[in-house]
Protein backbone atom coordinates (compact mmCIF):
# COMPACT_ATOMS: atom_id res chain seq x y z
CA MET A 1 -2.35 -0.73 14.72
CA ALA A 2 -0.53 2.21 15.49
CA ASP A 3 1.82 3.96 12.67
CA GLU A 4 4.92 4.29 14.75
CA PRO A 5 7.39 1.70 15.46
CA PRO A 6 6.66 -0.17 19.02
CA MET A 7 8.85 1.11 21.85
CA TYR A 8 10.10 -0.72 24.95
CA ASP A 9 9.97 1.11 28.49
CA PRO A 10 12.17 -1.13 31.06
CA ALA A 11 10.61 0.62 34.04
CA ARG A 12 6.74 0.51 33.24
CA TYR A 13 4.59 -1.81 34.73
CA THR A 14 0.67 -1.95 35.30
CA ASP A 15 -1.63 -3.88 37.55
CA HIS A 16 -1.46 -6.77 35.13
CA GLY A 17 2.13 -6.92 34.90
CA LYS A 18 5.06 -5.53 32.37
CA TRP A 19 3.56 -2.74 29.94
CA MET A 20 4.31 -3.74 26.43
CA ASP A 21 3.52 -1.58 23.55
CA GLY A 22 1.10 -4.08 21.64
CA TRP A 23 -1.58 -6.56 22.21
CA GLU A 24 -0.81 -9.25 24.82
CA THR A 25 -3.13 -11.92 26.12
CA ARG A 26 -2.92 -13.59 29.55
CA ARG A 27 -1.07 -17.13 29.90
CA ARG A 28 -3.63 -19.90 28.66
CA ARG A 29 -4.21 -22.66 30.94
CA GLU A 30 -6.40 -24.53 28.74
CA PRO A 31 -6.63 -25.81 25.29
CA GLY A 32 -7.36 -23.15 22.82
CA GLU A 33 -5.97 -20.03 20.90
CA ASP A 34 -6.40 -16.09 21.03
CA TRP A 35 -7.47 -13.96 18.24
CA CYS A 36 -8.36 -10.51 17.35
CA ILE A 37 -10.41 -9.17 14.38
CA VAL A 38 -9.12 -5.82 12.65
CA GLY A 39 -11.58 -3.77 10.35
CA LEU A 40 -9.49 -2.98 7.24
CA GLY A 41 -9.23 0.99 6.47
CA LEU A 42 -9.91 0.09 2.76
CA ALA A 43 -11.38 -3.05 1.37
CA GLY A 44 -9.08 -4.83 -1.24
CA ASP A 45 -6.83 -7.72 -2.29
CA VAL A 46 -4.27 -8.57 0.55
CA ARG A 47 -0.78 -9.29 -0.82
CA GLY A 48 1.24 -9.59 2.33
CA VAL A 49 1.13 -9.66 6.23
CA VAL A 50 3.65 -8.59 8.54
CA ILE A 51 3.12 -10.10 12.43
CA ASP A 52 5.67 -7.85 14.35
CA THR A 53 6.73 -9.36 17.80
CA ARG A 54 9.41 -6.75 18.45
CA HIS A 55 10.34 -6.23 22.20
CA PHE A 56 8.31 -9.61 22.94
CA ARG A 57 11.09 -12.09 23.64
CA GLY A 58 9.86 -14.73 26.20
CA ASN A 59 6.25 -13.82 25.54
CA HIS A 60 5.61 -14.07 22.08
CA PRO A 61 2.97 -16.73 20.72
CA GLU A 62 4.76 -19.80 19.03
CA ARG A 63 2.32 -19.56 15.72
CA ALA A 64 -0.02 -17.45 14.13
CA ALA A 65 -2.42 -17.69 11.27
CA VAL A 66 -4.50 -14.89 9.52
CA ASP A 67 -8.25 -15.21 8.28
CA ALA A 68 -9.73 -12.82 6.01
CA CYS A 69 -13.25 -12.04 5.07
CA ALA A 70 -15.66 -9.75 3.31
CA THR A 71 -18.73 -8.50 5.29
CA ALA A 72 -20.93 -5.34 5.86
CA SER A 73 -21.94 -6.48 9.24
CA ASP A 74 -20.05 -5.82 12.25
CA PRO A 75 -18.17 -8.88 13.27
CA ARG A 76 -17.08 -7.42 16.85
CA ASP A 77 -19.59 -9.87 18.46
CA PRO A 78 -17.53 -13.31 19.17
CA GLY A 79 -20.85 -14.93 17.88
CA ALA A 80 -21.22 -12.89 14.84
CA ALA A 81 -17.24 -13.72 14.31
CA GLU A 82 -17.41 -17.35 14.25
CA ALA A 83 -20.70 -17.04 11.91
CA LEU A 84 -18.56 -15.46 9.03
CA ALA A 85 -17.07 -17.11 6.09
CA TRP A 86 -13.65 -16.85 7.10
CA THR A 87 -10.88 -17.64 4.47
CA ARG A 88 -7.37 -18.69 5.51
CA ILE A 89 -4.87 -16.49 3.95
CA VAL A 90 -1.85 -17.28 6.03
CA PRO A 91 -1.71 -20.89 7.37
CA GLU A 92 -0.34 -21.44 10.83
CA VAL A 93 3.18 -20.73 10.72
CA PRO A 94 6.00 -20.47 13.30
CA LEU A 95 6.85 -16.94 14.75
CA GLU A 96 10.11 -15.62 15.60
CA ALA A 97 10.48 -13.40 18.85
CA ASP A 98 11.60 -9.97 18.80
CA ALA A 99 11.09 -9.76 14.97
CA LEU A 100 9.43 -8.75 11.97
CA ASN A 101 7.47 -12.02 10.74
CA VAL A 102 6.76 -11.40 7.13
CA PHE A 103 4.39 -13.88 5.06
CA PRO A 104 3.46 -13.28 1.47
CA VAL A 105 -0.27 -13.85 0.43
CA GLU A 106 -1.46 -15.67 -2.55
CA THR A 107 -4.96 -16.11 -2.05
CA ALA A 108 -6.87 -13.17 -4.05
CA GLY A 109 -10.17 -11.84 -3.20
CA ARG A 110 -11.80 -8.48 -1.89
CA TRP A 111 -11.56 -8.45 2.08
CA THR A 112 -13.01 -6.03 4.42
CA HIS A 113 -11.78 -7.81 7.73
CA VAL A 114 -8.58 -9.84 8.76
CA ARG A 115 -8.65 -11.87 11.98
CA LEU A 116 -5.21 -12.69 13.49
CA VAL A 117 -5.26 -16.10 15.33
CA ILE A 118 -2.19 -16.55 17.78
CA VAL A 119 -1.59 -19.92 19.29
CA PRO A 120 -1.91 -20.67 22.03
CA ASP A 121 -1.30 -17.12 23.62
CA GLY A 122 1.32 -14.22 24.01
CA GLY A 123 2.02 -10.90 22.57
CA VAL A 124 2.01 -9.20 19.28
CA ALA A 125 3.41 -5.57 18.95
CA ARG A 126 1.91 -4.45 15.43
CA LEU A 127 -0.15 -6.34 12.52
CA ARG A 128 0.37 -4.83 8.98
CA VAL A 129 -1.61 -6.00 6.02
CA HIS A 130 -0.58 -4.68 2.63
CA GLY A 131 -2.43 -4.96 -0.39
CA VAL A 132 -4.31 -3.09 -2.96
CA ALA A 133 -7.57 -1.33 -2.63
CA ILE A 134 -10.51 -2.35 -4.41
CA PRO A 135 -13.59 -0.26 -4.37
CA GLU A 136 -16.96 -1.74 -4.28
CA GLU A 137 -18.26 -2.66 -7.23
CA GLY A 138 -19.91 0.22 -9.00
CA GLY A 139 -18.76 2.24 -6.13
CA GLY A 140 -19.51 6.03 -7.33
CA VAL A 141 -16.28 7.73 -8.45
CA SER A 142 -17.61 10.54 -10.62
CA GLY A 143 -16.33 14.11 -11.67
CA THR A 144 -12.67 14.63 -11.43
CA THR A 145 -10.95 12.55 -8.99
CA ASP A 146 -7.22 11.40 -8.22
CA LEU A 147 -7.27 7.97 -10.43
CA ALA A 148 -4.12 6.95 -8.68
CA SER A 149 -5.08 7.19 -5.10
CA VAL A 150 -4.97 4.12 -2.98
CA ASP A 151 -8.59 4.97 -1.85
CA VAL A 152 -9.79 4.15 -5.33
CA GLY A 153 -7.51 1.33 -5.96
CA GLY A 154 -4.38 2.92 -7.47
CA ALA A 155 -1.17 0.57 -7.03
CA VAL A 156 2.71 0.78 -7.91
CA LEU A 157 3.49 -2.05 -10.15
CA ALA A 158 7.22 -1.67 -10.66
CA CYS A 159 9.85 0.74 -10.46
CA SER A 160 13.65 1.03 -11.85
CA ASP A 161 15.08 1.56 -8.11
CA ALA A 162 13.69 2.16 -4.70
CA PHE A 163 16.98 2.58 -2.89
CA PHE A 164 15.95 4.58 -0.10
CA CYS A 165 12.39 5.01 -0.01
CA ALA A 166 9.29 2.87 -1.40
CA PRO A 167 7.45 3.91 -4.59
CA GLY A 168 4.28 3.04 -2.90
CA ASN A 169 4.58 6.08 -0.78
CA LEU A 170 3.92 8.47 -3.94
CA LEU A 171 0.23 7.51 -3.59
CA LEU A 172 -0.57 7.75 -0.01
CA ALA A 173 -3.26 10.12 0.90
CA GLY A 174 -2.53 13.43 2.83
CA PRO A 175 0.87 15.45 2.49
CA PRO A 176 4.15 13.93 3.29
CA ALA A 177 5.42 14.06 6.26
CA GLY A 178 9.06 14.16 5.28
CA MET A 179 11.53 12.84 2.66
CA HIS A 180 10.92 9.16 4.35
CA ASP A 181 7.29 9.55 3.47
CA GLY A 182 8.12 9.56 -0.52
CA TRP A 183 9.80 7.66 -2.95
CA GLU A 184 13.91 8.33 -3.22
CA THR A 185 16.41 6.63 -5.85
CA ARG A 186 20.06 6.23 -5.34
CA ARG A 187 22.54 8.59 -7.03
CA ARG A 188 22.80 7.62 -10.73
CA ARG A 189 26.08 7.42 -11.72
CA GLY A 190 25.84 6.28 -15.59
CA PRO A 191 23.41 6.84 -18.38
CA GLY A 192 19.38 6.68 -17.99
CA HIS A 193 16.89 7.50 -15.74
CA ASP A 194 14.56 6.26 -13.05
CA TRP A 195 10.76 5.47 -13.65
CA VAL A 196 7.69 4.34 -11.75
CA VAL A 197 4.85 2.38 -13.32
CA VAL A 198 1.28 3.19 -11.82
CA HIS A 199 -1.77 1.33 -12.20
CA LEU A 200 -4.64 3.72 -12.00
CA GLY A 201 -7.54 2.63 -9.83
CA ARG A 202 -9.97 3.75 -12.61
CA ARG A 203 -9.65 4.35 -15.93
CA GLY A 204 -9.90 7.61 -17.05
CA ILE A 205 -9.24 10.81 -19.12
CA LEU A 206 -6.15 12.89 -17.73
CA GLU A 207 -6.78 16.25 -16.72
CA ARG A 208 -4.24 17.26 -14.26
CA VAL A 209 -0.84 15.79 -12.68
CA GLU A 210 1.01 16.90 -9.79
CA VAL A 211 4.34 16.23 -9.09
CA ASP A 212 5.20 16.87 -5.26
CA THR A 213 8.82 17.47 -4.45
CA ARG A 214 8.16 18.77 -0.82
CA PHE A 215 11.18 17.97 1.46
CA PHE A 216 13.25 17.20 -1.52
CA LYS A 217 15.65 19.89 -1.40
CA GLY A 218 19.05 19.06 -2.77
CA ASN A 219 17.89 15.60 -4.04
CA HIS A 220 14.90 16.28 -6.40
CA PRO A 221 15.02 15.20 -10.01
CA GLY A 222 16.19 17.58 -12.22
CA SER A 223 12.97 17.01 -14.55
CA CYS A 224 10.45 14.41 -15.47
CA ASP A 225 7.98 13.50 -18.00
CA LEU A 226 4.98 11.27 -17.97
CA GLU A 227 3.62 8.40 -20.42
CA ALA A 228 0.12 6.69 -20.47
CA HIS A 229 -1.01 3.35 -21.29
CA ASP A 230 -4.80 2.36 -22.11
CA ALA A 231 -5.86 -1.10 -21.40
CA GLY A 232 -9.21 -0.20 -22.28
CA PRO A 233 -12.40 -0.96 -20.72
CA GLY A 234 -11.77 -3.34 -17.67
CA GLY A 235 -8.24 -2.43 -18.00
CA GLU A 236 -8.37 -1.88 -14.01
CA ALA A 237 -9.89 -5.42 -13.07
CA PRO A 238 -8.82 -6.34 -9.80
CA GLY A 239 -7.51 -9.49 -8.18
CA GLU A 240 -5.49 -11.98 -10.15
CA ALA A 241 -5.57 -9.43 -13.30
CA ARG A 242 -3.96 -6.80 -11.15
CA ARG A 243 -1.57 -9.45 -10.24
CA ARG A 244 -0.37 -10.44 -13.72
CA ASP A 245 -0.27 -6.87 -14.63
CA ARG A 246 2.91 -6.43 -12.40
CA ALA A 247 4.69 -8.71 -14.53
CA VAL A 248 3.58 -8.14 -17.96
CA LEU A 249 3.14 -4.24 -17.98
CA VAL A 250 6.62 -2.79 -17.23
CA GLU A 251 7.60 -2.56 -20.71
CA PRO A 252 4.12 -2.19 -23.04
CA ALA A 253 4.61 -1.23 -26.49
CA THR A 254 1.67 1.03 -26.15
CA TRP A 255 2.98 3.59 -23.91
CA ALA A 256 1.83 7.33 -25.28
CA PRO A 257 3.74 10.62 -24.26
CA ALA A 258 1.31 12.59 -22.14
CA LEU A 259 3.62 15.33 -20.68
CA ALA A 260 7.11 16.31 -22.23
CA ASP A 261 10.10 16.43 -20.05
CA ARG A 262 9.74 19.47 -17.83
CA PRO A 263 12.00 20.94 -14.98
CA LEU A 264 11.30 20.24 -11.59
CA GLY A 265 12.40 22.43 -8.47
CA PRO A 266 12.90 21.59 -4.85
CA ASP A 267 10.23 21.51 -2.10
CA ARG A 268 7.49 22.35 -4.09
CA VAL A 269 4.19 20.78 -5.78
CA HIS A 270 4.40 21.05 -9.52
CA VAL A 271 0.94 21.13 -11.53
CA PHE A 272 0.77 20.08 -15.10
CA GLU A 273 -2.46 20.76 -17.10
CA PRO A 274 -3.64 21.11 -20.67
CA PRO A 275 -2.02 22.00 -23.29
CA ASP A 276 1.08 21.16 -21.30
CA LEU A 277 -0.85 17.68 -20.43
CA ALA A 278 -2.39 15.34 -23.24
CA GLU A 279 -5.85 14.61 -22.47
CA LEU A 280 -5.37 11.07 -23.15
CA PRO A 281 -7.40 8.02 -21.62
CA ALA A 282 -5.22 5.79 -19.26
CA THR A 283 -5.56 2.79 -17.02
CA HIS A 284 -1.62 3.29 -16.30
CA VAL A 285 0.94 5.87 -16.35
CA ARG A 286 4.71 5.78 -16.14
CA LEU A 287 6.43 8.64 -14.54
CA ARG A 288 9.92 9.15 -15.78
CA ILE A 289 12.28 11.08 -13.51
CA HIS A 290 15.59 12.77 -14.90
CA PRO A 291 18.06 11.13 -13.87
CA ASP A 292 17.42 10.24 -10.32
CA GLY A 293 16.08 11.60 -6.95
CA GLY A 294 13.34 11.81 -4.61
CA VAL A 295 9.47 12.60 -5.24
CA ALA A 296 6.91 12.76 -2.58
CA ARG A 297 3.63 12.54 -4.01
CA LEU A 298 2.03 11.71 -7.40
CA ARG A 299 -1.50 12.90 -7.90
CA VAL A 300 -3.01 11.90 -11.37
CA HIS A 301 -6.42 13.80 -11.57
CA GLY A 302 -8.99 12.75 -14.39
CA ARG A 303 -12.38 11.90 -15.51
CA PRO A 304 -13.20 8.42 -15.02
CA THR A 305 -14.66 6.81 -17.90
CA ALA A 306 -16.99 3.78 -18.11
CA GLY A 307 -15.60 0.18 -18.15
C-alpha cells in the first residue's frame, strides 16, 4: 500500500529468494488460493480497483478477484474473516504480468474493507482502491468544516480538461507536494475557460473558499470564479444517486454565482470570504478558471445543514 510506485533492485536477495517490492506468496503445491485483507482508509463506495503487478514477470498471479464488506469488527483473524458477509465487487479475472491491471466496479455500497484474492499464488506490487468516501450515517460533522473534503465524501464529478493532472487531487487532505499533486489543464488556444464540478460531501452554507495555487508559478490561472448549486436536502445521497449525478449535473439550470471573477497569483493560497463570497446553500460547486492553468487544492468551508 506504499504511495510511491514499486521499484526493482536486481541485486537484492533475502533468505526467501529475490526481494520484490510488493506482496508475494510462496509457490502453492496444493489446491487453493491466497488472499489478504485491507482496511480502507475511509469507508466508501468503490468505483475502481488497480492490481499492479509491475516487476512481477514470471511470478505474478494468473487470476485475481476482489471482495468487499462493511464491518466494525477486526477481520484480521482468518476465522473472523471467513464469517464476514463478503460481496464480490471484481469477479475472478486474468492478470497481466508487469502491468497496471485496471478494473471498474459497478457494485454500489458502503465498504470498510476489501479482500484481494489471488489464484493460485504469486506477487502483487500495489493495490489501489478508488472511490468516494461515505461517512457513517449521522456521523457528526458540525461547525464550520471543509464540505468538499474527501474525508466527508466530497468528490469531483466532471471537469473540462485533465491533460496534465487529475482534478481529484484538488480535494486531497494535506498540503500539495508539487505540481503533480494538483489539477492542471492544457494551454487553451481558443476562447472559453476550464472548469471542475465538485459534489460536496455535506450540504452546507458557504463561508470561506480557498483556491490554492502553490507550486504553480508560471502556469497558474489568471483568475477564477465560483458557482453553487443546491439540490436540497438529500442532495448528497451516496451510492447510485452519487453515480447518477456524474452524468446529469454537469450543466444544471440552477447554478448561482457565489464568487465573482477574481484574479489569481502564483504559488499562494487565495482566501475568499463574505462579502465577496455569497453565503449560499450548496450541495455542489463549480470552480471556473480563466482561461486555463493549474490549481493545487480547493477548500470549500461552510456550515453543514440538516438533511
